[in-house]
């Protein structure tokens, strides 16, 4: 790759614009356009806190929307889904058989994907209307802060409080999520943003994916089967940076230990040689779930705890358990640049 450039991305300071659109005959919903330099994002908290678009300038000086989503905000109304959400959850990924144990108590939740529950089903954040707390300029960032009050998966009377801060800074998209609960429960929030660096509908076979990982969770259809393995020598190895070609990963990668003087770990990058767009992922979690579905031309690099981690016989799976008085914090930053 050639020399990396950020100058295309930061000619102007941060801006926040509020736009109103109509849902149904009477209901009006706000959307927010966050701009910083040449980066622009549209967020609709009242429709599952989706990010409808994330545009930047490629190496040819052309604007390109690098996330997959509907062209019109209203198209999301009859199509609630977990593609394009800033926060999927309360449990992103799958829960095997819709069952898990906390302490001595067995909990069961309705399944929606055969035997499994995906992205918390109809209790998922993508079905919820988030409340906007603030839209403002903070230092050199354009920021939207939103909140969701909902039920934990373990209780019909408890309250799960999720606070989200999404910002466009000079050359990055930053997403911070904090979760609290009144009843012990399981949480595993994650972004559900699918990237296509050349624009929606374009093939991504030539996108280059690099993951800072030498260990994957052994999985079958998105459910861990037990144990881990080294993907070296297989099509799942992206340690050195490889083109996707026809591969469709749906796997969880553990990040290698790092000595960076930063609270965020480097997870990897996605790069398009066709237009020079480079997206690097940083996170405070120890792994990322990588998913390229057959149904769309896009790939998600979602920092999170293990899918179905509550049912894994690993000590780290206990991190998915949230008790009253505790707070779970999730942080991901996508650094955007041009090569």
Foldseek 3Di string as FASTA:
>chain_A
DDDWDLVQQAPDFKDKDWDWDDAPDDDIFIWIWIGGRQWIWIFTLQQLGFTAFIWGAFPVRDIATWWDHDPDPNVSVVPQDQARHQKQDQAAFKAAQQWFDDDHDIAHDDDDPVSIRHSNPCQISSVHRWAWPDFDDDDRKGKTKTKDWGDASRDPPKIKIKIWIWIDGSQKTKIKIKIAIAAKHFGKMKRNIWTDRHHWPDAQQFKKKAFQAQKWFPDDPRHGPADIHGCPPHLPHRNPIDGNHPPWDFTKGFHDDDDDPDLWDWTIWIADPVGQKIKTKIWNAGIWTWGDDPPTRTIDTMGIPRRSLSPYPDPCSCVRIHHHPDMDMIIMMIGIIGD
